[in-house]
Amino acid sequence: MRRIVLLFGVLQWSVLGVIFLLYTAELFDVVAECGSNSYADDTQIYVRAAASDHIDAIERLVRCTGIVCIRDWMARNRLKLNEDKTQVVSLGTRQQLNKATAQSLTLTNATVQFSDVVNDLGVRLDSQLTMANRIAALSRS
């Protein structure tokens, strides 16, 4: 029997929470080669690379270390990757971002354009992590 260590919380005695974790536990093995974060049903994968190696990083992200494996895992478990909700962003300084030439990430059923601003659990993050969009949103409310 394989033992799984849970580092973050599920409501105690929550049957649905435990079932969800058991159901998705294998996903963490699938993305182990990349960095990953998960919160409820939102999973993020990321790769770290120098600006000069960004094309190789994108290829690693798409190949078996990332999106392709996630899509295959989801298909085996009767789920579907929602490519319409997939967002891609390069993070770095203005100088680093100017070196990056890739404009899109090509998936099996969609092409995802790189964004200057993405939504991360309700927080708008820009590619330089200035938080300008978040501050503007808070100022309006």
N, C-alpha and C. Protein backbone atom coordinates (compact mmCIF):
# COMPACT_ATOMS: atom_id res chain seq x y z
N MET A 1 0.85 -1.18 0.00
CA MET A 1 0.00 0.00 0.00
C MET A 1 0.89 1.24 0.00
N ARG A 2 0.59 2.18 -0.87
CA ARG A 2 1.36 3.41 -0.98
C ARG A 2 0.88 4.42 0.03
N ARG A 3 1.80 5.03 0.72
CA ARG A 3 1.45 6.02 1.75
C ARG A 3 1.63 7.42 1.17
N ILE A 4 0.66 8.28 1.41
CA ILE A 4 0.68 9.66 0.92
C ILE A 4 0.71 10.59 2.13
N VAL A 5 1.68 11.49 2.14
CA VAL A 5 1.77 12.47 3.21
C VAL A 5 1.11 13.75 2.74
N LEU A 6 0.13 14.24 3.48
CA LEU A 6 -0.56 15.47 3.15
C LEU A 6 0.08 16.61 3.93
N LEU A 7 0.55 17.61 3.20
CA LEU A 7 1.21 18.73 3.85
C LEU A 7 0.26 19.88 4.17
N PHE A 8 -0.87 19.91 3.48
CA PHE A 8 -1.79 21.02 3.66
C PHE A 8 -3.18 20.47 3.93
N GLY A 9 -4.02 21.32 4.45
CA GLY A 9 -5.26 20.90 5.03
C GLY A 9 -6.41 20.54 4.13
N VAL A 10 -7.14 19.60 4.62
CA VAL A 10 -8.46 19.24 4.14
C VAL A 10 -9.33 19.34 5.38
N LEU A 11 -10.54 19.79 5.25
CA LEU A 11 -11.40 19.88 6.41
C LEU A 11 -11.46 18.53 7.11
N GLN A 12 -11.24 18.55 8.41
CA GLN A 12 -11.25 17.31 9.16
C GLN A 12 -12.62 16.65 9.03
N TRP A 13 -12.63 15.38 8.78
CA TRP A 13 -13.83 14.58 8.63
C TRP A 13 -14.59 14.89 7.35
N SER A 14 -13.96 15.59 6.43
CA SER A 14 -14.62 15.88 5.17
C SER A 14 -14.43 14.70 4.22
N VAL A 15 -15.48 13.94 4.01
CA VAL A 15 -15.39 12.77 3.14
C VAL A 15 -15.07 13.19 1.71
N LEU A 16 -15.71 14.23 1.23
CA LEU A 16 -15.46 14.67 -0.13
C LEU A 16 -14.02 15.15 -0.31
N GLY A 17 -13.49 15.83 0.70
CA GLY A 17 -12.10 16.29 0.63
C GLY A 17 -11.13 15.14 0.54
N VAL A 18 -11.34 14.10 1.33
CA VAL A 18 -10.47 12.93 1.31
C VAL A 18 -10.58 12.20 -0.02
N ILE A 19 -11.79 12.04 -0.50
CA ILE A 19 -11.99 11.37 -1.79
C ILE A 19 -11.30 12.14 -2.90
N PHE A 20 -11.44 13.48 -2.89
CA PHE A 20 -10.79 14.31 -3.91
C PHE A 20 -9.28 14.13 -3.86
N LEU A 21 -8.70 14.14 -2.66
CA LEU A 21 -7.25 13.97 -2.52
C LEU A 21 -6.79 12.61 -3.01
N LEU A 22 -7.52 11.58 -2.67
CA LEU A 22 -7.15 10.24 -3.14
C LEU A 22 -7.25 10.17 -4.67
N TYR A 23 -8.25 10.80 -5.22
CA TYR A 23 -8.47 10.79 -6.65
C TYR A 23 -7.35 11.52 -7.40
N THR A 24 -6.88 12.62 -6.83
CA THR A 24 -5.90 13.46 -7.52
C THR A 24 -4.47 13.24 -7.06
N ALA A 25 -4.22 12.34 -6.11
CA ALA A 25 -2.88 12.15 -5.56
C ALA A 25 -1.85 11.83 -6.64
N GLU A 26 -2.23 11.05 -7.63
CA GLU A 26 -1.31 10.67 -8.70
C GLU A 26 -0.87 11.88 -9.54
N LEU A 27 -1.70 12.90 -9.59
CA LEU A 27 -1.36 14.10 -10.36
C LEU A 27 -0.05 14.70 -9.87
N PHE A 28 0.20 14.68 -8.57
CA PHE A 28 1.43 15.26 -8.03
C PHE A 28 2.65 14.48 -8.49
N ASP A 29 2.52 13.16 -8.69
CA ASP A 29 3.62 12.37 -9.25
C ASP A 29 3.85 12.74 -10.71
N VAL A 30 2.78 13.02 -11.43
CA VAL A 30 2.88 13.35 -12.85
C VAL A 30 3.68 14.64 -13.05
N VAL A 31 3.47 15.63 -12.20
CA VAL A 31 4.14 16.92 -12.37
C VAL A 31 5.37 17.07 -11.47
N ALA A 32 5.86 15.96 -10.91
CA ALA A 32 6.97 16.02 -9.96
C ALA A 32 8.24 16.62 -10.58
N GLU A 33 8.45 16.43 -11.88
CA GLU A 33 9.65 16.96 -12.52
C GLU A 33 9.60 18.47 -12.67
N CYS A 34 8.43 19.04 -12.67
CA CYS A 34 8.27 20.50 -12.72
C CYS A 34 7.94 20.96 -11.31
N GLY A 35 8.02 22.24 -11.09
CA GLY A 35 7.48 22.77 -9.86
C GLY A 35 5.97 22.78 -10.00
N SER A 36 5.27 22.64 -8.90
CA SER A 36 3.82 22.68 -8.99
C SER A 36 3.21 23.20 -7.71
N ASN A 37 2.05 23.80 -7.85
CA ASN A 37 1.23 24.25 -6.73
C ASN A 37 -0.19 23.81 -7.03
N SER A 38 -0.89 23.40 -6.00
CA SER A 38 -2.30 23.05 -6.17
C SER A 38 -3.10 23.63 -5.03
N TYR A 39 -4.28 24.09 -5.37
CA TYR A 39 -5.23 24.57 -4.38
C TYR A 39 -6.61 24.17 -4.88
N ALA A 40 -7.26 23.30 -4.14
CA ALA A 40 -8.54 22.73 -4.55
C ALA A 40 -8.38 22.11 -5.93
N ASP A 41 -9.14 22.56 -6.91
CA ASP A 41 -9.04 21.97 -8.24
C ASP A 41 -8.21 22.82 -9.19
N ASP A 42 -7.42 23.73 -8.66
CA ASP A 42 -6.58 24.61 -9.47
C ASP A 42 -5.13 24.15 -9.32
N THR A 43 -4.51 23.71 -10.41
CA THR A 43 -3.13 23.25 -10.37
C THR A 43 -2.29 24.12 -11.27
N GLN A 44 -1.13 24.52 -10.78
CA GLN A 44 -0.20 25.33 -11.55
C GLN A 44 1.10 24.55 -11.67
N ILE A 45 1.67 24.54 -12.86
CA ILE A 45 2.99 23.96 -13.03
C ILE A 45 3.90 25.05 -13.56
N TYR A 46 5.16 24.95 -13.23
CA TYR A 46 6.09 25.98 -13.66
C TYR A 46 7.48 25.39 -13.86
N VAL A 47 8.24 26.02 -14.71
CA VAL A 47 9.64 25.68 -14.92
C VAL A 47 10.45 26.95 -14.75
N ARG A 48 11.64 26.79 -14.27
CA ARG A 48 12.54 27.92 -14.06
C ARG A 48 13.63 27.83 -15.11
N ALA A 49 13.92 28.95 -15.74
CA ALA A 49 14.96 28.96 -16.77
C ALA A 49 15.49 30.38 -16.95
N ALA A 50 16.71 30.45 -17.43
CA ALA A 50 17.27 31.75 -17.81
C ALA A 50 16.52 32.26 -19.02
N ALA A 51 16.47 33.56 -19.19
CA ALA A 51 15.75 34.15 -20.33
C ALA A 51 16.28 33.61 -21.65
N SER A 52 17.57 33.34 -21.73
CA SER A 52 18.16 32.83 -22.97
C SER A 52 17.73 31.39 -23.27
N ASP A 53 17.24 30.66 -22.27
CA ASP A 53 16.81 29.27 -22.44
C ASP A 53 15.29 29.12 -22.44
N HIS A 54 14.56 30.19 -22.70
CA HIS A 54 13.10 30.13 -22.57
C HIS A 54 12.44 29.17 -23.55
N ILE A 55 12.98 29.01 -24.74
CA ILE A 55 12.40 28.07 -25.73
C ILE A 55 12.51 26.65 -25.20
N ASP A 56 13.66 26.28 -24.65
CA ASP A 56 13.84 24.95 -24.07
C ASP A 56 12.90 24.74 -22.89
N ALA A 57 12.71 25.77 -22.08
CA ALA A 57 11.80 25.67 -20.93
C ALA A 57 10.37 25.42 -21.39
N ILE A 58 9.95 26.08 -22.45
CA ILE A 58 8.60 25.87 -22.98
C ILE A 58 8.45 24.44 -23.47
N GLU A 59 9.46 23.94 -24.17
CA GLU A 59 9.41 22.56 -24.66
C GLU A 59 9.34 21.57 -23.51
N ARG A 60 10.09 21.81 -22.42
CA ARG A 60 10.03 20.94 -21.24
C ARG A 60 8.64 20.99 -20.61
N LEU A 61 8.06 22.16 -20.59
CA LEU A 61 6.73 22.33 -20.00
C LEU A 61 5.68 21.56 -20.78
N VAL A 62 5.79 21.55 -22.08
CA VAL A 62 4.80 20.88 -22.92
C VAL A 62 5.04 19.37 -22.97
N ARG A 63 6.31 18.96 -23.04
CA ARG A 63 6.61 17.53 -23.13
C ARG A 63 6.18 16.82 -21.87
N CYS A 64 6.69 15.67 -21.66
CA CYS A 64 6.23 14.79 -20.59
C CYS A 64 6.39 15.36 -19.19
N THR A 65 7.15 16.41 -19.01
CA THR A 65 7.27 16.96 -17.67
C THR A 65 6.10 17.85 -17.32
N GLY A 66 5.18 18.05 -18.22
CA GLY A 66 4.15 19.02 -17.90
C GLY A 66 2.80 18.74 -18.49
N ILE A 67 2.40 19.59 -19.40
CA ILE A 67 1.02 19.64 -19.86
C ILE A 67 0.57 18.36 -20.56
N VAL A 68 1.44 17.75 -21.36
CA VAL A 68 1.06 16.52 -22.05
C VAL A 68 0.75 15.41 -21.05
N CYS A 69 1.60 15.28 -20.02
CA CYS A 69 1.35 14.25 -19.00
C CYS A 69 0.09 14.53 -18.21
N ILE A 70 -0.15 15.80 -17.91
CA ILE A 70 -1.38 16.15 -17.19
C ILE A 70 -2.60 15.81 -18.04
N ARG A 71 -2.56 16.18 -19.31
CA ARG A 71 -3.69 15.87 -20.19
C ARG A 71 -3.92 14.36 -20.27
N ASP A 72 -2.83 13.57 -20.38
CA ASP A 72 -2.96 12.11 -20.46
C ASP A 72 -3.51 11.54 -19.15
N TRP A 73 -3.02 12.06 -18.02
CA TRP A 73 -3.53 11.60 -16.71
C TRP A 73 -5.01 11.89 -16.60
N MET A 74 -5.40 13.08 -17.01
CA MET A 74 -6.80 13.47 -16.93
C MET A 74 -7.66 12.57 -17.81
N ALA A 75 -7.19 12.25 -19.01
CA ALA A 75 -7.96 11.37 -19.91
C ALA A 75 -8.12 9.98 -19.29
N ARG A 76 -7.05 9.46 -18.66
CA ARG A 76 -7.16 8.15 -18.01
C ARG A 76 -8.16 8.17 -16.87
N ASN A 77 -8.35 9.32 -16.25
CA ASN A 77 -9.25 9.44 -15.11
C ASN A 77 -10.58 10.08 -15.48
N ARG A 78 -10.90 10.07 -16.76
CA ARG A 78 -12.17 10.58 -17.28
C ARG A 78 -12.40 12.06 -16.97
N LEU A 79 -11.32 12.82 -17.06
CA LEU A 79 -11.38 14.26 -16.89
C LEU A 79 -10.90 14.92 -18.18
N LYS A 80 -11.09 16.22 -18.29
CA LYS A 80 -10.66 16.93 -19.49
C LYS A 80 -9.93 18.20 -19.09
N LEU A 81 -8.75 18.39 -19.66
CA LEU A 81 -8.01 19.62 -19.45
C LEU A 81 -8.74 20.76 -20.15
N ASN A 82 -9.08 21.78 -19.40
CA ASN A 82 -9.80 22.92 -19.97
C ASN A 82 -8.76 23.89 -20.54
N GLU A 83 -8.41 23.68 -21.79
CA GLU A 83 -7.37 24.49 -22.41
C GLU A 83 -7.81 25.94 -22.58
N ASP A 84 -9.11 26.19 -22.58
CA ASP A 84 -9.61 27.57 -22.67
C ASP A 84 -9.30 28.36 -21.40
N LYS A 85 -9.14 27.68 -20.27
CA LYS A 85 -8.83 28.37 -19.02
C LYS A 85 -7.34 28.34 -18.69
N THR A 86 -6.55 27.73 -19.56
CA THR A 86 -5.11 27.65 -19.35
C THR A 86 -4.48 28.99 -19.63
N GLN A 87 -3.64 29.44 -18.72
CA GLN A 87 -2.95 30.72 -18.87
C GLN A 87 -1.44 30.49 -18.78
N VAL A 88 -0.68 31.27 -19.54
CA VAL A 88 0.77 31.17 -19.54
C VAL A 88 1.35 32.56 -19.38
N VAL A 89 2.35 32.67 -18.51
CA VAL A 89 3.01 33.95 -18.30
C VAL A 89 4.50 33.69 -18.10
N SER A 90 5.32 34.56 -18.60
CA SER A 90 6.75 34.57 -18.29
C SER A 90 6.95 35.64 -17.22
N LEU A 91 7.68 35.29 -16.18
CA LEU A 91 7.94 36.22 -15.10
C LEU A 91 9.41 36.63 -15.12
N GLY A 92 9.67 37.90 -14.91
CA GLY A 92 11.05 38.36 -14.86
C GLY A 92 11.12 39.87 -14.89
N THR A 93 12.34 40.36 -14.97
CA THR A 93 12.53 41.81 -15.10
C THR A 93 12.21 42.23 -16.53
N ARG A 94 12.06 43.52 -16.75
CA ARG A 94 11.78 44.02 -18.10
C ARG A 94 12.88 43.57 -19.07
N GLN A 95 14.14 43.62 -18.62
CA GLN A 95 15.26 43.23 -19.48
C GLN A 95 15.20 41.73 -19.82
N GLN A 96 14.88 40.90 -18.84
CA GLN A 96 14.76 39.46 -19.09
C GLN A 96 13.61 39.16 -20.03
N LEU A 97 12.47 39.81 -19.82
CA LEU A 97 11.31 39.57 -20.66
C LEU A 97 11.54 40.02 -22.09
N ASN A 98 12.36 41.05 -22.30
CA ASN A 98 12.67 41.49 -23.66
C ASN A 98 13.47 40.45 -24.43
N LYS A 99 14.19 39.57 -23.74
CA LYS A 99 14.97 38.50 -24.39
C LYS A 99 14.09 37.33 -24.83
N ALA A 100 12.94 37.19 -24.19
CA ALA A 100 12.03 36.08 -24.51
C ALA A 100 11.27 36.39 -25.79
N THR A 101 11.36 35.48 -26.75
CA THR A 101 10.72 35.72 -28.04
C THR A 101 9.44 34.90 -28.24
N ALA A 102 9.24 33.87 -27.43
CA ALA A 102 8.05 33.02 -27.59
C ALA A 102 6.80 33.82 -27.28
N GLN A 103 5.79 33.66 -28.11
CA GLN A 103 4.53 34.37 -27.93
C GLN A 103 3.37 33.45 -27.58
N SER A 104 3.56 32.12 -27.76
CA SER A 104 2.46 31.20 -27.50
C SER A 104 2.98 29.84 -27.08
N LEU A 105 2.07 29.07 -26.49
CA LEU A 105 2.32 27.71 -26.07
C LEU A 105 1.34 26.83 -26.86
N THR A 106 1.85 25.91 -27.63
CA THR A 106 0.99 25.08 -28.47
C THR A 106 0.65 23.78 -27.76
N LEU A 107 -0.64 23.59 -27.52
CA LEU A 107 -1.14 22.37 -26.92
C LEU A 107 -1.80 21.53 -28.00
N THR A 108 -2.28 20.36 -27.63
CA THR A 108 -2.89 19.47 -28.62
C THR A 108 -4.10 20.09 -29.28
N ASN A 109 -4.99 20.68 -28.48
CA ASN A 109 -6.25 21.19 -29.01
C ASN A 109 -6.36 22.70 -29.01
N ALA A 110 -5.29 23.39 -28.64
CA ALA A 110 -5.37 24.85 -28.55
C ALA A 110 -3.97 25.45 -28.55
N THR A 111 -3.93 26.72 -28.87
CA THR A 111 -2.71 27.50 -28.75
C THR A 111 -2.98 28.58 -27.72
N VAL A 112 -2.16 28.63 -26.69
CA VAL A 112 -2.35 29.59 -25.61
C VAL A 112 -1.33 30.71 -25.77
N GLN A 113 -1.83 31.93 -25.91
CA GLN A 113 -0.95 33.10 -26.04
C GLN A 113 -0.40 33.48 -24.66
N PHE A 114 0.86 33.87 -24.63
CA PHE A 114 1.44 34.37 -23.38
C PHE A 114 0.70 35.64 -22.98
N SER A 115 0.47 35.80 -21.69
CA SER A 115 -0.24 36.96 -21.18
C SER A 115 0.71 37.85 -20.40
N ASP A 116 0.39 39.13 -20.37
CA ASP A 116 1.14 40.04 -19.51
C ASP A 116 0.61 39.99 -18.09
N VAL A 117 -0.68 39.61 -17.96
CA VAL A 117 -1.34 39.54 -16.66
C VAL A 117 -2.15 38.25 -16.61
N VAL A 118 -2.01 37.50 -15.50
CA VAL A 118 -2.78 36.27 -15.31
C VAL A 118 -3.49 36.32 -13.97
N ASN A 119 -4.50 35.49 -13.83
CA ASN A 119 -5.26 35.38 -12.60
C ASN A 119 -4.73 34.19 -11.81
N ASP A 120 -4.30 34.43 -10.58
CA ASP A 120 -3.80 33.36 -9.72
C ASP A 120 -4.62 33.35 -8.44
N LEU A 121 -5.61 32.46 -8.39
CA LEU A 121 -6.51 32.34 -7.24
C LEU A 121 -7.12 33.68 -6.86
N GLY A 122 -7.57 34.41 -7.87
CA GLY A 122 -8.26 35.67 -7.65
C GLY A 122 -7.35 36.89 -7.59
N VAL A 123 -6.06 36.70 -7.66
CA VAL A 123 -5.12 37.82 -7.65
C VAL A 123 -4.54 37.98 -9.05
N ARG A 124 -4.59 39.20 -9.57
CA ARG A 124 -4.05 39.48 -10.90
C ARG A 124 -2.55 39.73 -10.78
N LEU A 125 -1.75 38.88 -11.42
CA LEU A 125 -0.30 39.01 -11.39
C LEU A 125 0.21 39.43 -12.76
N ASP A 126 1.09 40.42 -12.79
CA ASP A 126 1.68 40.82 -14.07
C ASP A 126 3.06 40.17 -14.21
N SER A 127 3.58 40.19 -15.42
CA SER A 127 4.81 39.47 -15.74
C SER A 127 6.03 39.98 -14.98
N GLN A 128 5.99 41.20 -14.49
CA GLN A 128 7.11 41.74 -13.72
C GLN A 128 6.84 41.73 -12.21
N LEU A 129 5.72 41.18 -11.82
CA LEU A 129 5.30 41.08 -10.42
C LEU A 129 5.29 42.44 -9.71
N THR A 130 4.82 43.47 -10.42
CA THR A 130 4.75 44.80 -9.81
C THR A 130 3.52 44.96 -8.95
N MET A 131 2.50 44.09 -9.14
CA MET A 131 1.23 44.14 -8.42
C MET A 131 0.42 45.38 -8.77
N ALA A 132 0.77 46.06 -9.85
CA ALA A 132 0.06 47.28 -10.26
C ALA A 132 -1.43 47.01 -10.49
N ASN A 133 -1.77 45.92 -11.14
CA ASN A 133 -3.16 45.57 -11.40
C ASN A 133 -3.91 45.30 -10.10
N ARG A 134 -3.28 44.64 -9.18
CA ARG A 134 -3.92 44.34 -7.89
C ARG A 134 -4.15 45.64 -7.12
N ILE A 135 -3.18 46.51 -7.11
CA ILE A 135 -3.32 47.79 -6.40
C ILE A 135 -4.42 48.63 -7.02
N ALA A 136 -4.47 48.66 -8.36
CA ALA A 136 -5.51 49.43 -9.05
C ALA A 136 -6.89 48.87 -8.72
N ALA A 137 -7.03 47.55 -8.69
CA ALA A 137 -8.31 46.93 -8.37
C ALA A 137 -8.74 47.25 -6.94
N LEU A 138 -7.79 47.22 -6.02
CA LEU A 138 -8.12 47.53 -4.62
C LEU A 138 -8.47 49.00 -4.47
N SER A 139 -7.81 49.87 -5.24
CA SER A 139 -8.08 51.31 -5.16
C SER A 139 -9.48 51.64 -5.65
N ARG A 140 -9.98 50.87 -6.65
CA ARG A 140 -11.32 51.10 -7.19
C ARG A 140 -12.42 50.68 -6.24
N SER A 141 -12.13 49.68 -5.41
CA SER A 141 -13.19 49.16 -4.55
C SER A 141 -13.35 49.90 -3.26
